Amino acid sequence: VSAVVPMLANVSATIDGVPVQALFANEHSFTAQGQIGFESDRP
């Protein structure tokens, strides 16, 4: 984990103020209910 995460990381983030290399993704979805659609994301 220590070797691979820095190579794959696409962001530098902080968690409670502590810096960490990580992978960020923001899935997007669209669901239709009849003629009404709902969009959401999941960071």
PDB file of all heavy atoms in Angstrom:
ATOM      1  N   VAL A   1       0.843  -1.200   0.000  1.00  0.00           N
ATOM      2  CA  VAL A   1       0.000   0.000   0.000  1.00  0.00           C
ATOM      3  C   VAL A   1       0.876   1.248   0.000  1.00  0.00           C
ATOM      4  O   VAL A   1       0.624   2.188  -0.758  1.00  0.00           O
ATOM      5  CB  VAL A   1      -0.977  -0.015   1.202  1.00  0.00           C
ATOM      6  CG1 VAL A   1      -1.638   1.337   1.394  1.00  0.00           C
ATOM      7  CG2 VAL A   1      -2.021  -1.108   1.024  1.00  0.00           C
ATOM      8  N   SER A   2       1.918   1.253   0.808  1.00  0.00           N
ATOM      9  CA  SER A   2       2.823   2.405   0.878  1.00  0.00           C
ATOM     10  C   SER A   2       3.516   2.672  -0.447  1.00  0.00           C
ATOM     11  O   SER A   2       3.797   3.819  -0.792  1.00  0.00           O
ATOM     12  CB  SER A   2       3.884   2.182   1.958  1.00  0.00           C
ATOM     13  OG  SER A   2       3.292   2.134   3.221  1.00  0.00           O
ATOM     14  N   ALA A   3       3.794   1.618  -1.207  1.00  0.00           N
ATOM     15  CA  ALA A   3       4.486   1.776  -2.482  1.00  0.00           C
ATOM     16  C   ALA A   3       3.537   2.139  -3.622  1.00  0.00           C
ATOM     17  O   ALA A   3       3.883   2.942  -4.495  1.00  0.00           O
ATOM     18  CB  ALA A   3       5.239   0.493  -2.832  1.00  0.00           C
ATOM     19  N   VAL A   4       2.343   1.566  -3.624  1.00  0.00           N
ATOM     20  CA  VAL A   4       1.433   1.709  -4.758  1.00  0.00           C
ATOM     21  C   VAL A   4       0.611   2.993  -4.716  1.00  0.00           C
ATOM     22  O   VAL A   4       0.440   3.655  -5.738  1.00  0.00           O
ATOM     23  CB  VAL A   4       0.512   0.470  -4.863  1.00  0.00           C
ATOM     24  CG1 VAL A   4      -0.588   0.679  -5.879  1.00  0.00           C
ATOM     25  CG2 VAL A   4       1.337  -0.759  -5.219  1.00  0.00           C
ATOM     26  N   VAL A   5       0.081   3.364  -3.560  1.00  0.00           N
ATOM     27  CA  VAL A   5      -0.814   4.522  -3.491  1.00  0.00           C
ATOM     28  C   VAL A   5      -0.161   5.792  -4.032  1.00  0.00           C
ATOM     29  O   VAL A   5      -0.788   6.500  -4.828  1.00  0.00           O
ATOM     30  CB  VAL A   5      -1.381   4.716  -2.066  1.00  0.00           C
ATOM     31  CG1 VAL A   5      -2.098   6.049  -1.940  1.00  0.00           C
ATOM     32  CG2 VAL A   5      -2.328   3.574  -1.723  1.00  0.00           C
ATOM     33  N   PRO A   6       1.075   6.121  -3.677  1.00  0.00           N
ATOM     34  CA  PRO A   6       1.660   7.345  -4.247  1.00  0.00           C
ATOM     35  C   PRO A   6       1.770   7.316  -5.777  1.00  0.00           C
ATOM     36  O   PRO A   6       1.662   8.359  -6.417  1.00  0.00           O
ATOM     37  CB  PRO A   6       3.052   7.417  -3.606  1.00  0.00           C
ATOM     38  CG  PRO A   6       2.915   6.660  -2.336  1.00  0.00           C
ATOM     39  CD  PRO A   6       1.954   5.543  -2.652  1.00  0.00           C
ATOM     40  N   MET A   7       1.947   6.133  -6.360  1.00  0.00           N
ATOM     41  CA  MET A   7       2.048   6.038  -7.818  1.00  0.00           C
ATOM     42  C   MET A   7       0.684   6.204  -8.494  1.00  0.00           C
ATOM     43  O   MET A   7       0.602   6.696  -9.608  1.00  0.00           O
ATOM     44  CB  MET A   7       2.657   4.695  -8.225  1.00  0.00           C
ATOM     45  CG  MET A   7       4.134   4.598  -7.889  1.00  0.00           C
ATOM     46  SD  MET A   7       4.930   3.130  -8.564  1.00  0.00           S
ATOM     47  CE  MET A   7       4.219   1.833  -7.556  1.00  0.00           C
ATOM     48  N   LEU A   8      -0.384   5.783  -7.818  1.00  0.00           N
ATOM     49  CA  LEU A   8      -1.723   5.849  -8.399  1.00  0.00           C
ATOM     50  C   LEU A   8      -2.499   7.100  -8.003  1.00  0.00           C
ATOM     51  O   LEU A   8      -3.518   7.415  -8.610  1.00  0.00           O
ATOM     52  CB  LEU A   8      -2.532   4.613  -7.983  1.00  0.00           C
ATOM     53  CG  LEU A   8      -1.988   3.270  -8.439  1.00  0.00           C
ATOM     54  CD1 LEU A   8      -2.852   2.137  -7.886  1.00  0.00           C
ATOM     55  CD2 LEU A   8      -1.912   3.194  -9.951  1.00  0.00           C
ATOM     56  N   ALA A   9      -2.039   7.802  -6.985  1.00  0.00           N
ATOM     57  CA  ALA A   9      -2.780   8.952  -6.461  1.00  0.00           C
ATOM     58  C   ALA A   9      -3.007  10.006  -7.531  1.00  0.00           C
ATOM     59  O   ALA A   9      -2.123  10.296  -8.332  1.00  0.00           O
ATOM     60  CB  ALA A   9      -2.024   9.553  -5.280  1.00  0.00           C
ATOM     61  N   ASN A  10      -4.214  10.549  -7.524  1.00  0.00           N
ATOM     62  CA  ASN A  10      -4.515  11.636  -8.453  1.00  0.00           C
ATOM     63  C   ASN A  10      -4.814  12.943  -7.727  1.00  0.00           C
ATOM     64  O   ASN A  10      -5.109  13.945  -8.359  1.00  0.00           O
ATOM     65  CB  ASN A  10      -5.648  11.257  -9.412  1.00  0.00           C
ATOM     66  CG  ASN A  10      -6.965  10.994  -8.713  1.00  0.00           C
ATOM     67  OD1 ASN A  10      -7.082  11.083  -7.502  1.00  0.00           O
ATOM     68  ND2 ASN A  10      -7.981  10.648  -9.491  1.00  0.00           N
ATOM     69  N   VAL A  11      -4.765  12.918  -6.370  1.00  0.00           N
ATOM     70  CA  VAL A  11      -4.965  14.142  -5.593  1.00  0.00           C
ATOM     71  C   VAL A  11      -4.102  14.126  -4.340  1.00  0.00           C
ATOM     72  O   VAL A  11      -3.741  13.070  -3.824  1.00  0.00           O
ATOM     73  CB  VAL A  11      -6.441  14.347  -5.153  1.00  0.00           C
ATOM     74  CG1 VAL A  11      -7.353  14.551  -6.330  1.00  0.00           C
ATOM     75  CG2 VAL A  11      -6.920  13.222  -4.256  1.00  0.00           C
ATOM     76  N   SER A  12      -3.790  15.322  -3.897  1.00  0.00           N
ATOM     77  CA  SER A  12      -3.240  15.510  -2.553  1.00  0.00           C
ATOM     78  C   SER A  12      -4.394  16.079  -1.750  1.00  0.00           C
ATOM     79  O   SER A  12      -4.955  17.107  -2.109  1.00  0.00           O
ATOM     80  CB  SER A  12      -2.080  16.497  -2.564  1.00  0.00           C
ATOM     81  OG  SER A  12      -0.985  15.944  -3.237  1.00  0.00           O
ATOM     82  N   ALA A  13      -4.770  15.385  -0.702  1.00  0.00           N
ATOM     83  CA  ALA A  13      -5.901  15.796   0.119  1.00  0.00           C
ATOM     84  C   ALA A  13      -5.444  15.979   1.548  1.00  0.00           C
ATOM     85  O   ALA A  13      -4.315  15.615   1.900  1.00  0.00           O
ATOM     86  CB  ALA A  13      -6.994  14.726   0.051  1.00  0.00           C
ATOM     87  N   THR A  14      -6.308  16.546   2.360  1.00  0.00           N
ATOM     88  CA  THR A  14      -6.080  16.545   3.796  1.00  0.00           C
ATOM     89  C   THR A  14      -7.300  15.919   4.452  1.00  0.00           C
ATOM     90  O   THR A  14      -8.437  16.142   4.026  1.00  0.00           O
ATOM     91  CB  THR A  14      -5.853  17.951   4.385  1.00  0.00           C
ATOM     92  OG1 THR A  14      -6.993  18.764   4.141  1.00  0.00           O
ATOM     93  CG2 THR A  14      -4.613  18.605   3.805  1.00  0.00           C
ATOM     94  N   ILE A  15      -7.044  15.087   5.451  1.00  0.00           N
ATOM     95  CA  ILE A  15      -8.113  14.493   6.245  1.00  0.00           C
ATOM     96  C   ILE A  15      -7.878  14.970   7.670  1.00  0.00           C
ATOM     97  O   ILE A  15      -6.857  14.648   8.270  1.00  0.00           O
ATOM     98  CB  ILE A  15      -8.095  12.952   6.163  1.00  0.00           C
ATOM     99  CG1 ILE A  15      -8.200  12.484   4.712  1.00  0.00           C
ATOM    100  CG2 ILE A  15      -9.229  12.359   7.009  1.00  0.00           C
ATOM    101  CD1 ILE A  15      -8.037  10.982   4.533  1.00  0.00           C
ATOM    102  N   ASP A  16      -8.821  15.752   8.166  1.00  0.00           N
ATOM    103  CA  ASP A  16      -8.660  16.403   9.472  1.00  0.00           C
ATOM    104  C   ASP A  16      -7.315  17.121   9.576  1.00  0.00           C
ATOM    105  O   ASP A  16      -6.626  17.055  10.586  1.00  0.00           O
ATOM    106  CB  ASP A  16      -8.837  15.407  10.621  1.00  0.00           C
ATOM    107  CG  ASP A  16     -10.302  15.210  10.995  1.00  0.00           C
ATOM    108  OD1 ASP A  16     -11.156  15.972  10.491  1.00  0.00           O
ATOM    109  OD2 ASP A  16     -10.594  14.315  11.796  1.00  0.00           O
ATOM    110  N   GLY A  17      -6.920  17.788   8.479  1.00  0.00           N
ATOM    111  CA  GLY A  17      -5.712  18.594   8.466  1.00  0.00           C
ATOM    112  C   GLY A  17      -4.423  17.840   8.189  1.00  0.00           C
ATOM    113  O   GLY A  17      -3.368  18.444   8.070  1.00  0.00           O
ATOM    114  N   VAL A  18      -4.491  16.509   8.073  1.00  0.00           N
ATOM    115  CA  VAL A  18      -3.295  15.693   7.826  1.00  0.00           C
ATOM    116  C   VAL A  18      -3.198  15.402   6.326  1.00  0.00           C
ATOM    117  O   VAL A  18      -4.127  14.861   5.736  1.00  0.00           O
ATOM    118  CB  VAL A  18      -3.352  14.377   8.630  1.00  0.00           C
ATOM    119  CG1 VAL A  18      -2.143  13.514   8.329  1.00  0.00           C
ATOM    120  CG2 VAL A  18      -3.477  14.665  10.116  1.00  0.00           C
ATOM    121  N   PRO A  19      -2.076  15.756   5.674  1.00  0.00           N
ATOM    122  CA  PRO A  19      -1.949  15.512   4.236  1.00  0.00           C
ATOM    123  C   PRO A  19      -1.871  14.027   3.906  1.00  0.00           C
ATOM    124  O   PRO A  19      -1.274  13.238   4.642  1.00  0.00           O
ATOM    125  CB  PRO A  19      -0.651  16.217   3.847  1.00  0.00           C
ATOM    126  CG  PRO A  19       0.031  16.589   5.108  1.00  0.00           C
ATOM    127  CD  PRO A  19      -0.918  16.416   6.242  1.00  0.00           C
ATOM    128  N   VAL A  20      -2.491  13.657   2.782  1.00  0.00           N
ATOM    129  CA  VAL A  20      -2.494  12.266   2.328  1.00  0.00           C
ATOM    130  C   VAL A  20      -2.592  12.240   0.802  1.00  0.00           C
ATOM    131  O   VAL A  20      -3.274  13.066   0.203  1.00  0.00           O
ATOM    132  CB  VAL A  20      -3.660  11.472   2.979  1.00  0.00           C
ATOM    133  CG1 VAL A  20      -5.009  12.033   2.587  1.00  0.00           C
ATOM    134  CG2 VAL A  20      -3.591  10.009   2.627  1.00  0.00           C
ATOM    135  N   GLN A  21      -1.862  11.328   0.185  1.00  0.00           N
ATOM    136  CA  GLN A  21      -1.987  11.077  -1.248  1.00  0.00           C
ATOM    137  C   GLN A  21      -3.118  10.074  -1.418  1.00  0.00           C
ATOM    138  O   GLN A  21      -3.197   9.086  -0.683  1.00  0.00           O
ATOM    139  CB  GLN A  21      -0.694  10.494  -1.816  1.00  0.00           C
ATOM    140  CG  GLN A  21       0.480  11.446  -1.769  1.00  0.00           C
ATOM    141  CD  GLN A  21       0.260  12.616  -2.703  1.00  0.00           C
ATOM    142  OE1 GLN A  21      -0.003  12.449  -3.879  1.00  0.00           O
ATOM    143  NE2 GLN A  21       0.345  13.824  -2.159  1.00  0.00           N
ATOM    144  N   ALA A  22      -4.020  10.321  -2.381  1.00  0.00           N
ATOM    145  CA  ALA A  22      -5.199   9.476  -2.496  1.00  0.00           C
ATOM    146  C   ALA A  22      -5.721   9.468  -3.927  1.00  0.00           C
ATOM    147  O   ALA A  22      -5.241  10.206  -4.785  1.00  0.00           O
ATOM    148  CB  ALA A  22      -6.280   9.971  -1.547  1.00  0.00           C
ATOM    149  N   LEU A  23      -6.706   8.627  -4.138  1.00  0.00           N
ATOM    150  CA  LEU A  23      -7.397   8.536  -5.421  1.00  0.00           C
ATOM    151  C   LEU A  23      -8.798   9.101  -5.230  1.00  0.00           C
ATOM    152  O   LEU A  23      -9.550   8.631  -4.367  1.00  0.00           O
ATOM    153  CB  LEU A  23      -7.497   7.080  -5.889  1.00  0.00           C
ATOM    154  CG  LEU A  23      -6.185   6.428  -6.269  1.00  0.00           C
ATOM    155  CD1 LEU A  23      -5.519   5.800  -5.073  1.00  0.00           C
ATOM    156  CD2 LEU A  23      -6.440   5.403  -7.327  1.00  0.00           C
ATOM    157  N   PHE A  24      -9.149  10.113  -6.032  1.00  0.00           N
ATOM    158  CA  PHE A  24     -10.461  10.743  -5.936  1.00  0.00           C
ATOM    159  C   PHE A  24     -11.285  10.348  -7.146  1.00  0.00           C
ATOM    160  O   PHE A  24     -10.796  10.347  -8.275  1.00  0.00           O
ATOM    161  CB  PHE A  24     -10.322  12.260  -5.870  1.00  0.00           C
ATOM    162  CG  PHE A  24     -11.639  12.983  -5.813  1.00  0.00           C
ATOM    163  CD1 PHE A  24     -12.381  12.991  -4.640  1.00  0.00           C
ATOM    164  CD2 PHE A  24     -12.130  13.646  -6.914  1.00  0.00           C
ATOM    165  CE1 PHE A  24     -13.603  13.658  -4.581  1.00  0.00           C
ATOM    166  CE2 PHE A  24     -13.340  14.322  -6.867  1.00  0.00           C
ATOM    167  CZ  PHE A  24     -14.080  14.326  -5.700  1.00  0.00           C
ATOM    168  N   ALA A  25     -12.534  10.013  -6.901  1.00  0.00           N
ATOM    169  CA  ALA A  25     -13.482   9.713  -7.973  1.00  0.00           C
ATOM    170  C   ALA A  25     -14.814  10.345  -7.604  1.00  0.00           C
ATOM    171  O   ALA A  25     -15.144  10.476  -6.428  1.00  0.00           O
ATOM    172  CB  ALA A  25     -13.639   8.217  -8.161  1.00  0.00           C
ATOM    173  N   ASN A  26     -15.572  10.729  -8.608  1.00  0.00           N
ATOM    174  CA  ASN A  26     -16.883  11.314  -8.375  1.00  0.00           C
ATOM    175  C   ASN A  26     -17.871  10.680  -9.342  1.00  0.00           C
ATOM    176  O   ASN A  26     -18.090  11.184 -10.442  1.00  0.00           O
ATOM    177  CB  ASN A  26     -16.839  12.826  -8.540  1.00  0.00           C
ATOM    178  CG  ASN A  26     -18.071  13.513  -7.989  1.00  0.00           C
ATOM    179  OD1 ASN A  26     -18.911  12.889  -7.349  1.00  0.00           O
ATOM    180  ND2 ASN A  26     -18.183  14.802  -8.240  1.00  0.00           N
ATOM    181  N   GLU A  27     -18.433   9.557  -8.928  1.00  0.00           N
ATOM    182  CA  GLU A  27     -19.389   8.839  -9.781  1.00  0.00           C
ATOM    183  C   GLU A  27     -20.620   9.705  -9.998  1.00  0.00           C
ATOM    184  O   GLU A  27     -21.101  10.366  -9.086  1.00  0.00           O
ATOM    185  CB  GLU A  27     -19.814   7.527  -9.125  1.00  0.00           C
ATOM    186  CG  GLU A  27     -18.718   6.519  -9.012  1.00  0.00           C
ATOM    187  CD  GLU A  27     -19.189   5.242  -8.320  1.00  0.00           C
ATOM    188  OE1 GLU A  27     -20.354   5.164  -7.868  1.00  0.00           O
ATOM    189  OE2 GLU A  27     -18.373   4.327  -8.233  1.00  0.00           O
ATOM    190  N   HIS A  28     -21.129   9.667 -11.204  1.00  0.00           N
ATOM    191  CA  HIS A  28     -22.331  10.412 -11.544  1.00  0.00           C
ATOM    192  C   HIS A  28     -23.384   9.411 -11.996  1.00  0.00           C
ATOM    193  O   HIS A  28     -23.083   8.463 -12.716  1.00  0.00           O
ATOM    194  CB  HIS A  28     -22.036  11.410 -12.677  1.00  0.00           C
ATOM    195  CG  HIS A  28     -23.219  12.216 -13.069  1.00  0.00           C
ATOM    196  ND1 HIS A  28     -23.609  13.326 -12.354  1.00  0.00           N
ATOM    197  CD2 HIS A  28     -24.108  12.081 -14.071  1.00  0.00           C
ATOM    198  CE1 HIS A  28     -24.688  13.838 -12.919  1.00  0.00           C
ATOM    199  NE2 HIS A  28     -25.001  13.104 -13.960  1.00  0.00           N
ATOM    200  N   SER A  29     -24.618   9.603 -11.557  1.00  0.00           N
ATOM    201  CA  SER A  29     -25.688   8.701 -11.989  1.00  0.00           C
ATOM    202  C   SER A  29     -26.929   9.501 -12.346  1.00  0.00           C
ATOM    203  O   SER A  29     -27.160  10.598 -11.838  1.00  0.00           O
ATOM    204  CB  SER A  29     -26.007   7.669 -10.905  1.00  0.00           C
ATOM    205  OG  SER A  29     -26.584   8.301  -9.783  1.00  0.00           O
ATOM    206  N   PHE A  30     -27.704   8.923 -13.228  1.00  0.00           N
ATOM    207  CA  PHE A  30     -28.979   9.506 -13.643  1.00  0.00           C
ATOM    208  C   PHE A  30     -30.016   8.396 -13.595  1.00  0.00           C
ATOM    209  O   PHE A  30     -29.808   7.311 -14.144  1.00  0.00           O
ATOM    210  CB  PHE A  30     -28.885  10.082 -15.063  1.00  0.00           C
ATOM    211  CG  PHE A  30     -30.187  10.657 -15.545  1.00  0.00           C
ATOM    212  CD1 PHE A  30     -30.574  11.929 -15.160  1.00  0.00           C
ATOM    213  CD2 PHE A  30     -31.029   9.919 -16.354  1.00  0.00           C
ATOM    214  CE1 PHE A  30     -31.774  12.464 -15.586  1.00  0.00           C
ATOM    215  CE2 PHE A  30     -32.241  10.452 -16.790  1.00  0.00           C
ATOM    216  CZ  PHE A  30     -32.614  11.726 -16.405  1.00  0.00           C
ATOM    217  N   THR A  31     -31.120   8.666 -12.914  1.00  0.00           N
ATOM    218  CA  THR A  31     -32.202   7.698 -12.808  1.00  0.00           C
ATOM    219  C   THR A  31     -33.481   8.363 -13.289  1.00  0.00           C
ATOM    220  O   THR A  31     -33.794   9.481 -12.877  1.00  0.00           O
ATOM    221  CB  THR A  31     -32.390   7.241 -11.346  1.00  0.00           C
ATOM    222  OG1 THR A  31     -31.157   6.726 -10.869  1.00  0.00           O
ATOM    223  CG2 THR A  31     -33.457   6.182 -11.230  1.00  0.00           C
ATOM    224  N   ALA A  32     -34.196   7.667 -14.145  1.00  0.00           N
ATOM    225  CA  ALA A  32     -35.467   8.195 -14.647  1.00  0.00           C
ATOM    226  C   ALA A  32     -36.626   7.515 -13.937  1.00  0.00           C
ATOM    227  O   ALA A  32     -36.638   6.302 -13.764  1.00  0.00           O
ATOM    228  CB  ALA A  32     -35.568   7.973 -16.148  1.00  0.00           C
ATOM    229  N   GLN A  33     -37.574   8.326 -13.506  1.00  0.00           N
ATOM    230  CA  GLN A  33     -38.824   7.848 -12.925  1.00  0.00           C
ATOM    231  C   GLN A  33     -39.942   8.452 -13.764  1.00  0.00           C
ATOM    232  O   GLN A  33     -40.371   9.565 -13.525  1.00  0.00           O
ATOM    233  CB  GLN A  33     -38.958   8.288 -11.457  1.00  0.00           C
ATOM    234  CG  GLN A  33     -37.938   7.707 -10.535  1.00  0.00           C
ATOM    235  CD  GLN A  33     -38.190   6.235 -10.283  1.00  0.00           C
ATOM    236  OE1 GLN A  33     -39.306   5.743 -10.387  1.00  0.00           O
ATOM    237  NE2 GLN A  33     -37.141   5.514  -9.972  1.00  0.00           N
ATOM    238  N   GLY A  34     -40.387   7.714 -14.769  1.00  0.00           N
ATOM    239  CA  GLY A  34     -41.367   8.279 -15.695  1.00  0.00           C
ATOM    240  C   GLY A  34     -40.735   9.404 -16.479  1.00  0.00           C
ATOM    241  O   GLY A  34     -39.700   9.227 -17.102  1.00  0.00           O
ATOM    242  N   GLN A  35     -41.339  10.581 -16.411  1.00  0.00           N
ATOM    243  CA  GLN A  35     -40.814  11.738 -17.132  1.00  0.00           C
ATOM    244  C   GLN A  35     -39.892  12.589 -16.266  1.00  0.00           C
ATOM    245  O   GLN A  35     -39.400  13.613 -16.706  1.00  0.00           O
ATOM    246  CB  GLN A  35     -41.963  12.594 -17.663  1.00  0.00           C
ATOM    247  CG  GLN A  35     -42.784  11.875 -18.717  1.00  0.00           C
ATOM    248  CD  GLN A  35     -43.910  12.741 -19.244  1.00  0.00           C
ATOM    249  OE1 GLN A  35     -44.395  13.634 -18.559  1.00  0.00           O
ATOM    250  NE2 GLN A  35     -44.319  12.461 -20.467  1.00  0.00           N
ATOM    251  N   ILE A  36     -39.666  12.158 -15.048  1.00  0.00           N
ATOM    252  CA  ILE A  36     -38.805  12.908 -14.137  1.00  0.00           C
ATOM    253  C   ILE A  36     -37.478  12.187 -13.992  1.00  0.00           C
ATOM    254  O   ILE A  36     -37.432  10.968 -13.832  1.00  0.00           O
ATOM    255  CB  ILE A  36     -39.464  13.053 -12.748  1.00  0.00           C
ATOM    256  CG1 ILE A  36     -40.779  13.809 -12.868  1.00  0.00           C
ATOM    257  CG2 ILE A  36     -38.529  13.754 -11.781  1.00  0.00           C
ATOM    258  CD1 ILE A  36     -41.568  13.856 -11.590  1.00  0.00           C
ATOM    259  N   GLY A  37     -36.399  12.937 -14.048  1.00  0.00           N
ATOM    260  CA  GLY A  37     -35.075  12.353 -13.883  1.00  0.00           C
ATOM    261  C   GLY A  37     -34.397  12.876 -12.636  1.00  0.00           C
ATOM    262  O   GLY A  37     -34.652  13.995 -12.195  1.00  0.00           O
ATOM    263  N   PHE A  38     -33.577  12.037 -12.055  1.00  0.00           N
ATOM    264  CA  PHE A  38     -32.823  12.403 -10.865  1.00  0.00           C
ATOM    265  C   PHE A  38     -31.343  12.210 -11.151  1.00  0.00           C
ATOM    266  O   PHE A  38     -30.943  11.138 -11.589  1.00  0.00           O
ATOM    267  CB  PHE A  38     -33.220  11.531  -9.663  1.00  0.00           C
ATOM    268  CG  PHE A  38     -34.668  11.647  -9.284  1.00  0.00           C
ATOM    269  CD1 PHE A  38     -35.603  10.762  -9.791  1.00  0.00           C
ATOM    270  CD2 PHE A  38     -35.083  12.661  -8.431  1.00  0.00           C
ATOM    271  CE1 PHE A  38     -36.936  10.874  -9.441  1.00  0.00           C
ATOM    272  CE2 PHE A  38     -36.406  12.774  -8.075  1.00  0.00           C
ATOM    273  CZ  PHE A  38     -37.346  11.877  -8.584  1.00  0.00           C
ATOM    274  N   GLU A  39     -30.562  13.240 -10.884  1.00  0.00           N
ATOM    275  CA  GLU A  39     -29.116  13.145 -11.043  1.00  0.00           C
ATOM    276  C   GLU A  39     -28.474  13.203  -9.669  1.00  0.00           C
ATOM    277  O   GLU A  39     -28.959  13.879  -8.768  1.00  0.00           O
ATOM    278  CB  GLU A  39     -28.576  14.307 -11.870  1.00  0.00           C
ATOM    279  CG  GLU A  39     -28.981  14.253 -13.316  1.00  0.00           C
ATOM    280  CD  GLU A  39     -28.312  15.345 -14.107  1.00  0.00           C
ATOM    281  OE1 GLU A  39     -27.123  15.167 -14.446  1.00  0.00           O
ATOM    282  OE2 GLU A  39     -28.969  16.360 -14.351  1.00  0.00           O
ATOM    283  N   SER A  40     -27.390  12.468  -9.524  1.00  0.00           N
ATOM    284  CA  SER A  40     -26.652  12.525  -8.268  1.00  0.00           C
ATOM    285  C   SER A  40     -25.187  12.249  -8.537  1.00  0.00           C
ATOM    286  O   SER A  40     -24.825  11.699  -9.569  1.00  0.00           O
ATOM    287  CB  SER A  40     -27.202  11.525  -7.249  1.00  0.00           C
ATOM    288  OG  SER A  40     -26.970  10.209  -7.680  1.00  0.00           O
ATOM    289  N   ASP A  41     -24.359  12.651  -7.608  1.00  0.00           N
ATOM    290  CA  ASP A  41     -22.953  12.299  -7.677  1.00  0.00           C
ATOM    291  C   ASP A  41     -22.569  11.672  -6.346  1.00  0.00           C
ATOM    292  O   ASP A  41     -23.292  11.774  -5.357  1.00  0.00           O
ATOM    293  CB  ASP A  41     -22.058  13.489  -8.025  1.00  0.00           C
ATOM    294  CG  ASP A  41     -22.145  14.615  -7.025  1.00  0.00           C
ATOM    295  OD1 ASP A  41     -22.890  14.509  -6.042  1.00  0.00           O
ATOM    296  OD2 ASP A  41     -21.446  15.622  -7.215  1.00  0.00           O
ATOM    297  N   ARG A  42     -21.456  10.970  -6.363  1.00  0.00           N
ATOM    298  CA  ARG A  42     -20.992  10.269  -5.171  1.00  0.00           C
ATOM    299  C   ARG A  42     -19.481  10.424  -5.093  1.00  0.00           C
ATOM    300  O   ARG A  42     -18.730   9.569  -5.568  1.00  0.00           O
ATOM    301  CB  ARG A  42     -21.386   8.800  -5.251  1.00  0.00           C
ATOM    302  CG  ARG A  42     -21.068   8.021  -4.001  1.00  0.00           C
ATOM    303  CD  ARG A  42     -21.590   6.605  -4.112  1.00  0.00           C
ATOM    304  NE  ARG A  42     -21.383   5.905  -2.863  1.00  0.00           N
ATOM    305  CZ  ARG A  42     -21.149   4.623  -2.769  1.00  0.00           C
ATOM    306  NH1 ARG A  42     -21.099   3.871  -3.849  1.00  0.00           N
ATOM    307  NH2 ARG A  42     -20.970   4.061  -1.602  1.00  0.00           N
ATOM    308  N   PRO A  43     -19.017  11.530  -4.481  1.00  0.00           N
ATOM    309  CA  PRO A  43     -17.570  11.710  -4.371  1.00  0.00           C
ATOM    310  C   PRO A  43     -16.969  10.701  -3.395  1.00  0.00           C
ATOM    311  O   PRO A  43     -17.545  10.429  -2.336  1.00  0.00           O
ATOM    312  CB  PRO A  43     -17.420  13.146  -3.869  1.00  0.00           C
ATOM    313  CG  PRO A  43     -18.737  13.523  -3.290  1.00  0.00           C
ATOM    314  CD  PRO A  43     -19.760  12.651  -3.939  1.00  0.00           C
TER     315      PRO A  43
END
